[in-house]
Protein backbone atom coordinates (compact mmCIF):
# COMPACT_ATOMS: atom_id res chain seq x y z
CA UNK A 1 -0.23 -0.07 -0.22
CA UNK A 2 1.73 3.08 -1.29
CA UNK A 3 2.38 5.93 1.26
CA UNK A 4 3.70 9.39 1.20
CA UNK A 5 4.60 11.88 4.15
CA UNK A 6 2.82 15.18 3.89
CA UNK A 7 5.32 17.87 3.53
CA UNK A 8 4.03 20.54 5.98
CA UNK A 9 3.07 19.65 9.89
CA UNK A 10 -0.01 22.72 9.55
CA UNK A 11 -1.33 19.66 6.97
CA UNK A 12 -0.60 16.99 8.70
CA UNK A 13 -0.04 17.27 12.49
CA UNK A 14 1.38 19.56 14.69
CA UNK A 15 4.48 20.57 16.37
CA UNK A 16 4.46 20.48 19.60
CA UNK A 17 6.93 23.35 21.44
CA UNK A 18 9.47 23.05 19.17
CA UNK A 19 11.11 20.54 19.43
CA UNK A 20 8.67 16.94 18.53
CA UNK A 21 6.82 17.19 15.68
CA UNK A 22 3.77 14.45 15.30
CA UNK A 23 3.09 13.42 11.58
CA UNK A 24 -0.37 11.64 10.40
CA UNK A 25 0.24 9.26 7.24
CA UNK A 26 -2.24 8.41 4.88
CA UNK A 27 -2.57 6.46 1.85
CA UNK A 28 -1.46 8.18 -1.59
CA UNK A 29 -4.54 7.22 -3.72
CA UNK A 30 -7.35 6.61 -1.22
CA UNK A 31 -6.18 8.77 1.39
CA UNK A 32 -7.19 6.58 3.99
CA UNK A 33 -5.67 6.92 7.66
CA UNK A 34 -2.63 4.20 8.02
CA UNK A 35 -1.13 5.67 11.34
CA UNK A 36 1.14 8.38 12.81
CA UNK A 37 4.70 8.93 14.01
CA UNK A 38 6.21 11.38 16.28
CA UNK A 39 9.78 12.43 16.87
CA UNK A 40 11.90 15.02 17.66
CA UNK A 41 13.10 17.99 15.12
CA UNK A 42 15.77 19.41 17.95
CA UNK A 43 18.27 18.19 20.52
CA UNK A 44 17.07 17.86 23.77
CA UNK A 45 17.51 15.96 27.25
CA UNK A 46 15.25 12.97 26.02
CA UNK A 47 17.50 12.35 22.52
CA UNK A 48 18.61 13.98 19.85
CA UNK A 49 17.10 15.28 16.40
CA UNK A 50 15.50 12.66 14.59
CA UNK A 51 14.98 10.01 17.60
CA UNK A 52 11.57 8.76 17.02
CA UNK A 53 9.13 9.25 20.17
CA UNK A 54 6.39 6.85 19.29
CA UNK A 55 4.65 5.09 15.97
CA UNK A 56 1.22 3.58 15.29
CA UNK A 57 -0.31 1.72 12.87
CA UNK A 58 -3.81 0.99 11.85
CA UNK A 59 -3.60 -2.92 11.63
CA UNK A 60 -7.69 -3.68 10.99
CA UNK A 61 -10.49 -2.12 10.37
CA UNK A 62 -14.17 -3.32 10.88
CA UNK A 63 -17.90 -1.90 10.55
CA UNK A 64 -20.11 -2.60 13.47
CA UNK A 65 -24.11 -1.97 13.99
CA UNK A 66 -23.79 -0.56 17.58
CA UNK A 67 -21.56 1.98 19.71
CA UNK A 68 -19.51 -0.68 21.97
CA UNK A 69 -19.90 -3.50 19.81
CA UNK A 70 -16.57 -5.37 18.76
CA UNK A 71 -16.44 -6.90 15.22
CA UNK A 72 -15.80 -10.59 15.28
CA UNK A 73 -12.70 -12.82 14.31
């Protein structure tokens, strides 16, 4: 599944302070949300610039009929 990183934090997420950047990842053709990542954009006590702080990925999607209902399988 092709992905792309959106080029601007204004379009894809937010910068928190001046040291961390949060990015959302979308499928290039369908724009379906695939996940996100956070990383340092400046050296901090938490690590050097470029250090990945968190990542998430959507591994499964399903539709259900009622709030709170869990998909089968």
